[in-house]
């Protein structure tokens, strides 16, 4: 993990920054797949101490308080079920995830930005149904013109994704680091190949 989980009042050895806990809902599914629901080890230990989570798996590493020693949790399960969101937030990241991190005009995967299919100058709005991921060359080529005027075609018509669709898309793009103890909990409800 690249993120620095330290706060002003926590001083931990550098090695302990890299032990996030996978957070599962009470039904043993991750709260989210992309970004993967992870907590810093400090939050996981605090939640376990407050009896808000159950520890399912642990790292070999330990941390000490004045009186106790704790193994760092690697997988935790919330004791109370968190109801999944009914709608997907319209963010740049979620837009790229919906479009599978590729340009919707040429299929390219590098240097992505977003493009209004019907340009705002022509009355287009910023919505799931009018914005797509586009590489910089295609976006520059299109400019503020209609698809017909610039000679581009969409690979797929943009639409608002469902939460289930976003979970499925997130599974296809796992994060760079997956701890071995997480694997049993990430894909257990995926359909098996016949």
N, C-alpha and C. Protein backbone atom coordinates (compact mmCIF):
# COMPACT_ATOMS: atom_id res chain seq x y z
N UNK A 1 0.84 -1.18 0.00
CA UNK A 1 0.00 0.00 0.00
C UNK A 1 0.88 1.24 0.00
N UNK A 2 0.49 2.23 -0.78
CA UNK A 2 1.26 3.45 -0.85
C UNK A 2 0.84 4.46 0.21
N UNK A 3 -0.38 4.35 0.71
CA UNK A 3 -0.90 5.34 1.64
C UNK A 3 -0.20 5.31 2.97
N UNK A 4 -0.10 6.48 3.60
CA UNK A 4 0.50 6.59 4.91
C UNK A 4 -0.62 6.68 5.92
N UNK A 5 -0.79 5.66 6.76
CA UNK A 5 -1.92 5.58 7.68
C UNK A 5 -1.65 6.28 9.00
N UNK A 6 -0.48 6.86 9.17
CA UNK A 6 -0.14 7.45 10.45
C UNK A 6 -0.98 8.69 10.72
N UNK A 7 -1.23 8.92 11.97
CA UNK A 7 -1.88 10.14 12.40
C UNK A 7 -0.89 10.88 13.28
N UNK A 8 -1.27 12.05 13.75
CA UNK A 8 -0.35 12.85 14.56
C UNK A 8 0.06 12.17 15.85
N UNK A 9 -0.80 11.36 16.41
CA UNK A 9 -0.53 10.81 17.73
C UNK A 9 -0.09 9.35 17.71
N UNK A 10 0.02 8.72 16.56
CA UNK A 10 0.43 7.33 16.48
C UNK A 10 1.83 7.27 15.89
N UNK A 11 2.74 6.64 16.60
CA UNK A 11 4.12 6.48 16.12
C UNK A 11 4.40 4.98 16.04
N UNK A 12 4.37 4.45 14.82
CA UNK A 12 4.59 3.01 14.68
C UNK A 12 5.83 2.77 13.82
N UNK A 13 6.43 1.61 13.96
CA UNK A 13 7.55 1.28 13.08
C UNK A 13 7.09 1.31 11.63
N UNK A 14 7.97 1.69 10.75
CA UNK A 14 7.65 1.82 9.32
C UNK A 14 7.06 0.52 8.77
N UNK A 15 7.53 -0.62 9.21
CA UNK A 15 7.06 -1.91 8.68
C UNK A 15 5.58 -2.14 8.96
N UNK A 16 5.03 -1.55 10.00
CA UNK A 16 3.64 -1.82 10.36
C UNK A 16 2.63 -1.03 9.52
N UNK A 17 3.10 -0.06 8.74
CA UNK A 17 2.20 0.69 7.87
C UNK A 17 1.59 -0.22 6.82
N UNK A 18 2.23 -1.29 6.52
CA UNK A 18 1.86 -2.14 5.38
C UNK A 18 1.05 -3.36 5.77
N UNK A 19 0.23 -3.25 6.80
CA UNK A 19 -0.58 -4.38 7.24
C UNK A 19 -2.05 -3.98 7.33
N UNK A 20 -2.67 -3.66 6.21
CA UNK A 20 -4.09 -3.29 6.25
C UNK A 20 -4.96 -4.52 6.49
N UNK A 21 -6.14 -4.28 7.01
CA UNK A 21 -7.10 -5.37 7.24
C UNK A 21 -8.20 -5.28 6.19
N UNK A 22 -8.52 -6.41 5.58
CA UNK A 22 -9.65 -6.50 4.67
C UNK A 22 -10.92 -6.47 5.52
N UNK A 23 -11.85 -5.57 5.18
CA UNK A 23 -13.08 -5.40 5.95
C UNK A 23 -14.23 -6.05 5.21
N UNK A 24 -14.87 -7.03 5.89
CA UNK A 24 -16.01 -7.73 5.32
C UNK A 24 -17.28 -7.28 6.02
N UNK A 25 -18.37 -7.24 5.27
CA UNK A 25 -19.66 -6.96 5.87
C UNK A 25 -20.09 -8.17 6.69
N UNK A 26 -21.18 -8.07 7.41
CA UNK A 26 -21.64 -9.18 8.25
C UNK A 26 -21.99 -10.42 7.43
N UNK A 27 -22.21 -10.26 6.13
CA UNK A 27 -22.48 -11.41 5.26
C UNK A 27 -21.19 -12.00 4.66
N UNK A 28 -20.05 -11.58 5.15
CA UNK A 28 -18.73 -12.05 4.74
C UNK A 28 -18.36 -11.66 3.31
N UNK A 29 -18.94 -10.60 2.79
CA UNK A 29 -18.55 -10.04 1.50
C UNK A 29 -17.84 -8.72 1.77
N UNK A 30 -16.84 -8.37 0.96
CA UNK A 30 -16.18 -7.07 1.15
C UNK A 30 -17.20 -5.94 1.04
N UNK A 31 -16.98 -4.88 1.82
CA UNK A 31 -17.86 -3.71 1.72
C UNK A 31 -17.79 -3.13 0.32
N UNK A 32 -16.61 -3.16 -0.29
CA UNK A 32 -16.46 -2.75 -1.69
C UNK A 32 -15.28 -3.51 -2.27
N UNK A 33 -15.33 -3.73 -3.58
CA UNK A 33 -14.26 -4.42 -4.26
C UNK A 33 -13.25 -3.45 -4.85
N UNK A 34 -13.73 -2.30 -5.31
CA UNK A 34 -12.81 -1.35 -5.92
C UNK A 34 -13.31 0.04 -5.63
N UNK A 35 -12.66 0.79 -4.78
CA UNK A 35 -11.45 0.36 -4.10
C UNK A 35 -11.79 -0.70 -3.05
N UNK A 36 -10.87 -1.60 -2.85
CA UNK A 36 -11.07 -2.69 -1.90
C UNK A 36 -11.21 -2.12 -0.50
N UNK A 37 -12.19 -2.62 0.25
CA UNK A 37 -12.45 -2.10 1.60
C UNK A 37 -11.34 -2.56 2.55
N UNK A 38 -10.46 -1.63 2.86
CA UNK A 38 -9.33 -1.90 3.75
C UNK A 38 -9.29 -0.86 4.85
N UNK A 39 -8.90 -1.30 6.04
CA UNK A 39 -8.68 -0.38 7.16
C UNK A 39 -7.23 -0.46 7.58
N UNK A 40 -6.68 0.62 8.11
CA UNK A 40 -5.34 0.55 8.71
C UNK A 40 -5.36 -0.40 9.90
N UNK A 41 -4.23 -1.00 10.21
CA UNK A 41 -4.19 -1.98 11.28
C UNK A 41 -4.64 -1.38 12.61
N UNK A 42 -4.37 -0.07 12.83
CA UNK A 42 -4.77 0.56 14.09
C UNK A 42 -6.29 0.56 14.24
N UNK A 43 -7.00 0.90 13.16
CA UNK A 43 -8.46 0.92 13.20
C UNK A 43 -9.03 -0.48 13.40
N UNK A 44 -8.40 -1.48 12.80
CA UNK A 44 -8.86 -2.86 12.94
C UNK A 44 -8.71 -3.34 14.39
N UNK A 45 -7.59 -3.04 15.01
CA UNK A 45 -7.38 -3.45 16.41
C UNK A 45 -8.34 -2.71 17.33
N UNK A 46 -8.54 -1.42 17.08
CA UNK A 46 -9.46 -0.63 17.90
C UNK A 46 -10.89 -1.18 17.79
N UNK A 47 -11.33 -1.49 16.55
CA UNK A 47 -12.68 -2.03 16.35
C UNK A 47 -12.84 -3.39 17.03
N UNK A 48 -11.80 -4.21 16.99
CA UNK A 48 -11.85 -5.52 17.66
C UNK A 48 -11.93 -5.33 19.18
N UNK A 49 -11.14 -4.42 19.70
CA UNK A 49 -11.15 -4.14 21.14
C UNK A 49 -12.52 -3.64 21.60
N UNK A 50 -13.18 -2.83 20.75
CA UNK A 50 -14.51 -2.30 21.07
C UNK A 50 -15.63 -3.28 20.74
N UNK A 51 -15.26 -4.48 20.28
CA UNK A 51 -16.20 -5.56 19.97
C UNK A 51 -17.16 -5.20 18.83
N UNK A 52 -16.66 -4.45 17.86
CA UNK A 52 -17.46 -4.08 16.68
C UNK A 52 -17.20 -5.01 15.51
N UNK A 53 -16.10 -5.76 15.57
CA UNK A 53 -15.74 -6.68 14.49
C UNK A 53 -15.27 -8.00 15.08
N UNK A 54 -15.28 -9.01 14.24
CA UNK A 54 -14.71 -10.31 14.57
C UNK A 54 -13.46 -10.48 13.72
N UNK A 55 -12.38 -10.90 14.32
CA UNK A 55 -11.15 -11.14 13.59
C UNK A 55 -11.21 -12.54 13.00
N UNK A 56 -11.02 -12.64 11.69
CA UNK A 56 -11.12 -13.91 10.99
C UNK A 56 -9.73 -14.45 10.66
N UNK A 57 -8.80 -13.56 10.34
CA UNK A 57 -7.42 -13.98 10.02
C UNK A 57 -6.47 -12.91 10.52
N UNK A 58 -5.23 -13.33 10.80
CA UNK A 58 -4.24 -12.42 11.36
C UNK A 58 -2.91 -12.56 10.63
N UNK A 59 -2.14 -11.48 10.66
CA UNK A 59 -0.76 -11.53 10.17
C UNK A 59 0.10 -12.18 11.25
N UNK A 60 1.30 -12.53 10.89
CA UNK A 60 2.25 -13.07 11.87
C UNK A 60 2.78 -11.97 12.79
N UNK A 61 2.79 -10.74 12.33
CA UNK A 61 3.34 -9.63 13.08
C UNK A 61 2.45 -9.24 14.25
N UNK A 62 3.08 -8.73 15.28
CA UNK A 62 2.35 -8.32 16.49
C UNK A 62 2.68 -6.86 16.82
N UNK A 63 1.81 -6.28 17.62
CA UNK A 63 2.05 -4.96 18.20
C UNK A 63 1.81 -5.09 19.69
N UNK A 64 2.44 -4.19 20.44
CA UNK A 64 2.33 -4.27 21.90
C UNK A 64 1.76 -2.98 22.45
N UNK A 65 0.97 -3.14 23.50
CA UNK A 65 0.57 -1.99 24.32
C UNK A 65 1.36 -2.13 25.62
N UNK A 66 1.05 -1.32 26.60
CA UNK A 66 1.76 -1.44 27.87
C UNK A 66 1.51 -2.78 28.54
N UNK A 67 0.30 -3.33 28.33
CA UNK A 67 -0.05 -4.56 29.05
C UNK A 67 -0.23 -5.78 28.16
N UNK A 68 -0.53 -5.57 26.87
CA UNK A 68 -0.89 -6.70 26.03
C UNK A 68 -0.08 -6.71 24.73
N UNK A 69 -0.14 -7.87 24.10
CA UNK A 69 0.44 -8.03 22.77
C UNK A 69 -0.67 -8.54 21.86
N UNK A 70 -0.78 -7.95 20.66
CA UNK A 70 -1.84 -8.30 19.72
C UNK A 70 -1.24 -8.70 18.39
N UNK A 71 -1.77 -9.76 17.80
CA UNK A 71 -1.42 -10.05 16.40
C UNK A 71 -2.23 -9.11 15.54
N UNK A 72 -1.65 -8.63 14.46
CA UNK A 72 -2.32 -7.67 13.60
C UNK A 72 -3.37 -8.39 12.76
N UNK A 73 -4.63 -7.91 12.80
CA UNK A 73 -5.69 -8.55 12.00
C UNK A 73 -5.46 -8.35 10.50
N UNK A 74 -5.69 -9.38 9.71
CA UNK A 74 -5.61 -9.22 8.25
C UNK A 74 -7.00 -9.29 7.61
N UNK A 75 -7.96 -9.96 8.25
CA UNK A 75 -9.35 -9.99 7.77
C UNK A 75 -10.26 -9.82 8.97
N UNK A 76 -11.17 -8.85 8.87
CA UNK A 76 -12.14 -8.63 9.94
C UNK A 76 -13.55 -8.60 9.35
N UNK A 77 -14.53 -8.97 10.18
CA UNK A 77 -15.94 -8.99 9.76
C UNK A 77 -16.72 -8.08 10.69
N UNK A 78 -17.50 -7.17 10.10
CA UNK A 78 -18.34 -6.29 10.91
C UNK A 78 -19.42 -7.11 11.61
N UNK A 79 -19.72 -6.78 12.84
CA UNK A 79 -20.78 -7.50 13.56
C UNK A 79 -22.16 -7.03 13.13
N UNK A 80 -22.28 -5.79 12.70
CA UNK A 80 -23.55 -5.25 12.22
C UNK A 80 -23.49 -5.12 10.70
N UNK A 81 -24.57 -5.54 10.04
CA UNK A 81 -24.63 -5.48 8.59
C UNK A 81 -24.77 -4.03 8.12
N UNK A 82 -23.95 -3.64 7.15
CA UNK A 82 -24.04 -2.32 6.55
C UNK A 82 -24.76 -2.48 5.22
N UNK A 83 -25.90 -1.81 5.10
CA UNK A 83 -26.71 -1.92 3.89
C UNK A 83 -25.94 -1.31 2.71
N UNK A 84 -25.81 -2.07 1.60
CA UNK A 84 -25.09 -1.54 0.44
C UNK A 84 -25.82 -0.33 -0.15
N UNK A 85 -25.04 0.55 -0.77
CA UNK A 85 -25.63 1.72 -1.42
C UNK A 85 -26.47 1.29 -2.61
N UNK A 86 -27.56 2.01 -2.83
CA UNK A 86 -28.45 1.68 -3.94
C UNK A 86 -28.03 2.35 -5.24
N UNK A 87 -27.17 3.36 -5.15
CA UNK A 87 -26.71 4.02 -6.36
C UNK A 87 -25.20 4.18 -6.31
N UNK A 88 -24.62 4.29 -7.47
CA UNK A 88 -23.17 4.44 -7.59
C UNK A 88 -22.86 5.93 -7.72
N UNK A 89 -21.92 6.41 -6.92
CA UNK A 89 -21.54 7.81 -6.99
C UNK A 89 -20.91 8.12 -8.34
N UNK A 90 -21.23 9.27 -8.89
CA UNK A 90 -20.68 9.70 -10.18
C UNK A 90 -19.34 10.39 -9.91
N UNK A 91 -18.27 9.60 -9.98
CA UNK A 91 -16.92 10.12 -9.78
C UNK A 91 -16.07 9.73 -10.98
N UNK A 92 -14.95 10.43 -11.12
CA UNK A 92 -14.03 10.12 -12.23
C UNK A 92 -13.57 8.68 -12.14
N UNK A 93 -13.21 8.23 -10.94
CA UNK A 93 -12.73 6.86 -10.77
C UNK A 93 -13.81 5.85 -11.15
N UNK A 94 -15.04 6.05 -10.67
CA UNK A 94 -16.12 5.11 -10.99
C UNK A 94 -16.44 5.12 -12.48
N UNK A 95 -16.31 6.27 -13.12
CA UNK A 95 -16.51 6.35 -14.57
C UNK A 95 -15.46 5.50 -15.29
N UNK A 96 -14.19 5.64 -14.88
CA UNK A 96 -13.13 4.83 -15.50
C UNK A 96 -13.35 3.34 -15.24
N UNK A 97 -13.80 3.00 -14.03
CA UNK A 97 -14.07 1.61 -13.70
C UNK A 97 -15.21 1.07 -14.56
N UNK A 98 -16.28 1.84 -14.70
CA UNK A 98 -17.40 1.41 -15.55
C UNK A 98 -16.92 1.15 -16.98
N UNK A 99 -16.03 2.01 -17.48
CA UNK A 99 -15.54 1.89 -18.85
C UNK A 99 -14.29 1.00 -18.95
N UNK A 100 -14.00 0.27 -17.87
CA UNK A 100 -12.91 -0.71 -17.81
C UNK A 100 -11.55 -0.10 -18.14
N UNK A 101 -11.36 1.14 -17.72
CA UNK A 101 -10.09 1.84 -17.87
C UNK A 101 -9.59 1.86 -19.31
N UNK A 102 -10.52 2.02 -20.26
CA UNK A 102 -10.10 2.14 -21.66
C UNK A 102 -10.96 3.19 -22.37
N UNK A 103 -10.36 3.79 -23.39
CA UNK A 103 -11.02 4.82 -24.19
C UNK A 103 -12.24 4.21 -24.89
N UNK A 104 -13.35 4.88 -24.81
CA UNK A 104 -14.58 4.37 -25.41
C UNK A 104 -14.68 4.68 -26.90
N UNK A 105 -13.65 5.33 -27.45
CA UNK A 105 -13.61 5.59 -28.89
C UNK A 105 -12.65 4.65 -29.59
N UNK A 106 -11.41 4.55 -29.07
CA UNK A 106 -10.41 3.73 -29.77
C UNK A 106 -10.02 2.46 -29.01
N UNK A 107 -10.41 2.34 -27.74
CA UNK A 107 -10.06 1.17 -26.94
C UNK A 107 -8.71 1.28 -26.26
N UNK A 108 -8.01 2.40 -26.42
CA UNK A 108 -6.70 2.60 -25.79
C UNK A 108 -6.80 2.65 -24.28
N UNK A 109 -5.70 2.27 -23.61
CA UNK A 109 -5.71 2.19 -22.15
C UNK A 109 -4.83 3.22 -21.46
N UNK A 110 -4.15 4.07 -22.20
CA UNK A 110 -3.25 5.02 -21.56
C UNK A 110 -3.76 6.44 -21.58
N UNK A 111 -3.30 7.26 -20.65
CA UNK A 111 -3.54 8.70 -20.62
C UNK A 111 -5.03 9.03 -20.72
N UNK A 112 -5.83 8.47 -19.80
CA UNK A 112 -7.29 8.64 -19.87
C UNK A 112 -7.74 9.96 -19.26
N UNK A 113 -8.76 10.51 -19.86
CA UNK A 113 -9.49 11.65 -19.35
C UNK A 113 -10.97 11.33 -19.57
N UNK A 114 -11.84 12.29 -19.42
CA UNK A 114 -13.23 11.99 -19.72
C UNK A 114 -13.76 12.97 -20.76
N UNK A 115 -14.81 12.54 -21.47
CA UNK A 115 -15.35 13.33 -22.57
C UNK A 115 -16.87 13.34 -22.51
N UNK A 116 -17.44 14.49 -22.81
CA UNK A 116 -18.90 14.61 -22.94
C UNK A 116 -19.27 14.18 -24.36
N UNK A 117 -20.07 13.14 -24.50
CA UNK A 117 -20.47 12.64 -25.82
C UNK A 117 -21.18 13.75 -26.58
N UNK A 118 -22.20 14.34 -25.98
CA UNK A 118 -22.81 15.56 -26.52
C UNK A 118 -22.11 16.69 -25.77
N UNK A 119 -21.28 17.47 -26.47
CA UNK A 119 -20.49 18.51 -25.78
C UNK A 119 -21.37 19.48 -24.99
N UNK A 120 -20.81 19.98 -23.91
CA UNK A 120 -21.55 20.95 -23.10
C UNK A 120 -21.90 22.19 -23.92
N UNK A 121 -21.03 22.53 -24.85
CA UNK A 121 -21.30 23.69 -25.71
C UNK A 121 -22.54 23.48 -26.57
N UNK A 122 -22.91 22.21 -26.80
CA UNK A 122 -24.10 21.90 -27.59
C UNK A 122 -25.27 21.46 -26.72
N UNK A 123 -25.19 21.74 -25.42
CA UNK A 123 -26.29 21.42 -24.50
C UNK A 123 -26.13 20.11 -23.76
N UNK A 124 -25.00 19.43 -23.89
CA UNK A 124 -24.78 18.17 -23.17
C UNK A 124 -24.61 18.40 -21.69
N UNK A 125 -25.03 17.42 -20.90
CA UNK A 125 -24.92 17.51 -19.44
C UNK A 125 -23.88 16.54 -18.93
N UNK A 126 -23.42 16.81 -17.72
CA UNK A 126 -22.47 15.93 -17.07
C UNK A 126 -23.25 14.86 -16.32
N UNK A 127 -23.37 13.68 -16.93
CA UNK A 127 -24.15 12.60 -16.34
C UNK A 127 -23.56 11.26 -16.79
N UNK A 128 -23.98 10.18 -16.14
CA UNK A 128 -23.54 8.84 -16.53
C UNK A 128 -23.84 8.57 -17.99
N UNK A 129 -24.97 9.07 -18.49
CA UNK A 129 -25.42 8.77 -19.85
C UNK A 129 -24.73 9.61 -20.92
N UNK A 130 -23.93 10.62 -20.51
CA UNK A 130 -23.31 11.51 -21.50
C UNK A 130 -21.80 11.63 -21.36
N UNK A 131 -21.19 11.00 -20.38
CA UNK A 131 -19.75 11.13 -20.16
C UNK A 131 -19.11 9.75 -20.28
N UNK A 132 -17.98 9.71 -20.99
CA UNK A 132 -17.25 8.45 -21.18
C UNK A 132 -15.76 8.69 -20.94
N UNK A 133 -15.04 7.60 -20.67
CA UNK A 133 -13.59 7.65 -20.60
C UNK A 133 -13.05 7.78 -22.01
N UNK A 134 -12.06 8.65 -22.17
CA UNK A 134 -11.46 8.87 -23.49
C UNK A 134 -9.97 9.14 -23.33
N UNK A 135 -9.18 8.65 -24.26
CA UNK A 135 -7.76 8.97 -24.24
C UNK A 135 -7.60 10.41 -24.72
N UNK A 136 -6.48 11.02 -24.39
CA UNK A 136 -6.25 12.42 -24.77
C UNK A 136 -6.31 12.65 -26.27
N UNK A 137 -5.68 11.78 -27.11
CA UNK A 137 -5.77 12.03 -28.56
C UNK A 137 -7.21 12.02 -29.09
N UNK A 138 -8.02 11.06 -28.63
CA UNK A 138 -9.42 11.02 -29.09
C UNK A 138 -10.20 12.22 -28.57
N UNK A 139 -9.94 12.60 -27.32
CA UNK A 139 -10.65 13.74 -26.74
C UNK A 139 -10.30 15.02 -27.49
N UNK A 140 -9.03 15.18 -27.83
CA UNK A 140 -8.61 16.37 -28.60
C UNK A 140 -9.20 16.35 -30.00
N UNK A 141 -9.22 15.17 -30.61
CA UNK A 141 -9.78 15.03 -31.96
C UNK A 141 -11.26 15.40 -31.98
N UNK A 142 -11.98 14.97 -30.94
CA UNK A 142 -13.42 15.24 -30.89
C UNK A 142 -13.69 16.69 -30.56
N UNK A 143 -12.99 17.24 -29.58
CA UNK A 143 -13.20 18.63 -29.18
C UNK A 143 -14.64 18.87 -28.78
N UNK A 144 -15.21 19.99 -29.20
CA UNK A 144 -16.58 20.37 -28.86
C UNK A 144 -17.53 20.07 -30.02
N UNK A 145 -17.22 19.00 -30.76
CA UNK A 145 -18.06 18.63 -31.91
C UNK A 145 -18.87 17.38 -31.59
N UNK A 146 -19.86 17.13 -32.40
CA UNK A 146 -20.67 15.92 -32.25
C UNK A 146 -19.87 14.74 -32.80
N UNK A 147 -20.29 13.53 -32.46
CA UNK A 147 -19.62 12.33 -32.96
C UNK A 147 -19.64 12.28 -34.49
N UNK A 148 -20.74 12.65 -35.07
CA UNK A 148 -20.86 12.62 -36.53
C UNK A 148 -19.88 13.60 -37.18
N UNK A 149 -19.75 14.79 -36.58
CA UNK A 149 -18.87 15.82 -37.16
C UNK A 149 -17.39 15.46 -37.07
N UNK A 150 -17.00 14.68 -36.05
CA UNK A 150 -15.57 14.37 -35.90
C UNK A 150 -15.22 12.98 -36.41
N UNK A 151 -16.20 12.16 -36.79
CA UNK A 151 -15.93 10.84 -37.36
C UNK A 151 -15.61 9.76 -36.33
N UNK A 152 -15.92 9.99 -35.07
CA UNK A 152 -15.68 8.98 -34.03
C UNK A 152 -16.96 8.21 -33.74
N UNK A 153 -16.79 6.97 -33.24
CA UNK A 153 -17.91 6.15 -32.81
C UNK A 153 -17.64 5.62 -31.42
N UNK A 154 -18.71 5.47 -30.64
CA UNK A 154 -18.59 4.89 -29.30
C UNK A 154 -18.51 3.37 -29.39
N UNK A 155 -17.63 2.76 -28.62
CA UNK A 155 -17.59 1.30 -28.53
C UNK A 155 -18.80 0.76 -27.78
N UNK A 156 -19.28 1.55 -26.81
CA UNK A 156 -20.40 1.13 -25.96
C UNK A 156 -21.17 2.36 -25.53
N UNK A 157 -22.47 2.31 -25.59
CA UNK A 157 -23.31 3.44 -25.18
C UNK A 157 -23.18 3.63 -23.67
N UNK A 158 -22.92 4.86 -23.22
CA UNK A 158 -22.78 5.08 -21.77
C UNK A 158 -24.13 4.99 -21.06
N UNK A 159 -24.10 4.41 -19.86
CA UNK A 159 -25.31 4.33 -19.04
C UNK A 159 -24.92 4.29 -17.57
N UNK A 160 -25.88 4.55 -16.72
CA UNK A 160 -25.61 4.54 -15.29
C UNK A 160 -25.41 3.10 -14.83
N UNK A 161 -24.31 2.81 -14.15
CA UNK A 161 -24.07 1.43 -13.70
C UNK A 161 -24.86 1.11 -12.43
N UNK A 162 -25.13 -0.16 -12.25
CA UNK A 162 -25.76 -0.62 -11.01
C UNK A 162 -24.65 -0.93 -10.01
N UNK A 163 -24.96 -0.91 -8.71
CA UNK A 163 -23.94 -1.30 -7.72
C UNK A 163 -23.38 -2.70 -7.99
N UNK A 164 -24.25 -3.63 -8.41
CA UNK A 164 -23.79 -5.00 -8.69
C UNK A 164 -22.82 -5.01 -9.88
N UNK A 165 -23.13 -4.20 -10.89
CA UNK A 165 -22.25 -4.10 -12.04
C UNK A 165 -20.89 -3.53 -11.67
N UNK A 166 -20.89 -2.57 -10.77
CA UNK A 166 -19.61 -1.98 -10.34
C UNK A 166 -18.81 -2.97 -9.50
N UNK A 167 -19.49 -3.78 -8.68
CA UNK A 167 -18.78 -4.82 -7.92
C UNK A 167 -18.13 -5.80 -8.89
N UNK A 168 -18.86 -6.20 -9.92
CA UNK A 168 -18.32 -7.13 -10.91
C UNK A 168 -17.14 -6.51 -11.64
N UNK A 169 -17.25 -5.24 -11.99
CA UNK A 169 -16.15 -4.56 -12.67
C UNK A 169 -14.94 -4.47 -11.74
N UNK A 170 -15.17 -4.19 -10.47
CA UNK A 170 -14.09 -4.09 -9.51
C UNK A 170 -13.32 -5.39 -9.34
N UNK A 171 -14.02 -6.50 -9.44
CA UNK A 171 -13.35 -7.80 -9.32
C UNK A 171 -12.38 -8.04 -10.47
N UNK A 172 -12.67 -7.46 -11.62
CA UNK A 172 -11.78 -7.66 -12.78
C UNK A 172 -10.50 -6.84 -12.68
N UNK A 173 -10.45 -5.91 -11.73
CA UNK A 173 -9.28 -5.05 -11.57
C UNK A 173 -8.81 -5.08 -10.13
N UNK A 174 -8.21 -6.20 -9.70
CA UNK A 174 -7.78 -6.29 -8.29
C UNK A 174 -6.65 -5.30 -8.02
N UNK A 175 -6.51 -4.87 -6.76
CA UNK A 175 -5.41 -3.96 -6.42
C UNK A 175 -4.07 -4.65 -6.59
N UNK A 176 -3.02 -3.86 -6.52
CA UNK A 176 -1.66 -4.39 -6.73
C UNK A 176 -1.27 -5.42 -5.68
N UNK A 177 -1.76 -5.28 -4.47
CA UNK A 177 -1.37 -6.19 -3.40
C UNK A 177 -2.60 -6.91 -2.86
N UNK A 178 -2.57 -8.22 -2.86
CA UNK A 178 -3.61 -9.04 -2.24
C UNK A 178 -2.92 -10.00 -1.28
N UNK A 179 -3.18 -9.84 0.00
CA UNK A 179 -2.58 -10.75 0.98
C UNK A 179 -3.23 -12.13 0.84
N UNK A 180 -2.46 -13.16 1.05
CA UNK A 180 -2.93 -14.55 0.91
C UNK A 180 -4.18 -14.81 1.75
N UNK A 181 -4.26 -14.23 2.95
CA UNK A 181 -5.41 -14.48 3.83
C UNK A 181 -6.70 -13.85 3.30
N UNK A 182 -6.61 -12.94 2.33
CA UNK A 182 -7.80 -12.28 1.79
C UNK A 182 -8.47 -13.08 0.69
N UNK A 183 -7.73 -13.92 0.00
CA UNK A 183 -8.22 -14.54 -1.23
C UNK A 183 -9.49 -15.35 -1.06
N UNK A 184 -9.63 -16.05 0.05
CA UNK A 184 -10.83 -16.86 0.28
C UNK A 184 -12.09 -16.00 0.41
N UNK A 185 -11.93 -14.72 0.74
CA UNK A 185 -13.08 -13.86 0.99
C UNK A 185 -13.41 -12.93 -0.17
N UNK A 186 -12.55 -12.84 -1.15
CA UNK A 186 -12.78 -11.89 -2.24
C UNK A 186 -13.64 -12.44 -3.36
N UNK A 187 -13.51 -13.70 -3.66
CA UNK A 187 -14.18 -14.23 -4.85
C UNK A 187 -15.05 -15.44 -4.54
N UNK A 188 -15.45 -15.65 -3.30
CA UNK A 188 -16.20 -16.84 -2.94
C UNK A 188 -17.58 -16.87 -3.55
N UNK A 189 -18.15 -15.70 -3.88
CA UNK A 189 -19.49 -15.71 -4.45
C UNK A 189 -19.48 -15.56 -5.96
N UNK A 190 -18.29 -15.66 -6.56
CA UNK A 190 -18.20 -15.60 -8.03
C UNK A 190 -18.70 -16.91 -8.63
N UNK A 191 -19.30 -16.80 -9.79
CA UNK A 191 -19.83 -17.99 -10.46
C UNK A 191 -18.69 -18.88 -10.93
N UNK A 192 -18.81 -20.15 -10.70
CA UNK A 192 -17.77 -21.10 -11.08
C UNK A 192 -17.91 -21.49 -12.55
N UNK A 193 -16.77 -21.72 -13.20
CA UNK A 193 -16.80 -22.18 -14.60
C UNK A 193 -17.21 -23.64 -14.62
N UNK A 194 -17.98 -24.01 -15.64
CA UNK A 194 -18.45 -25.39 -15.75
C UNK A 194 -17.40 -26.28 -16.38
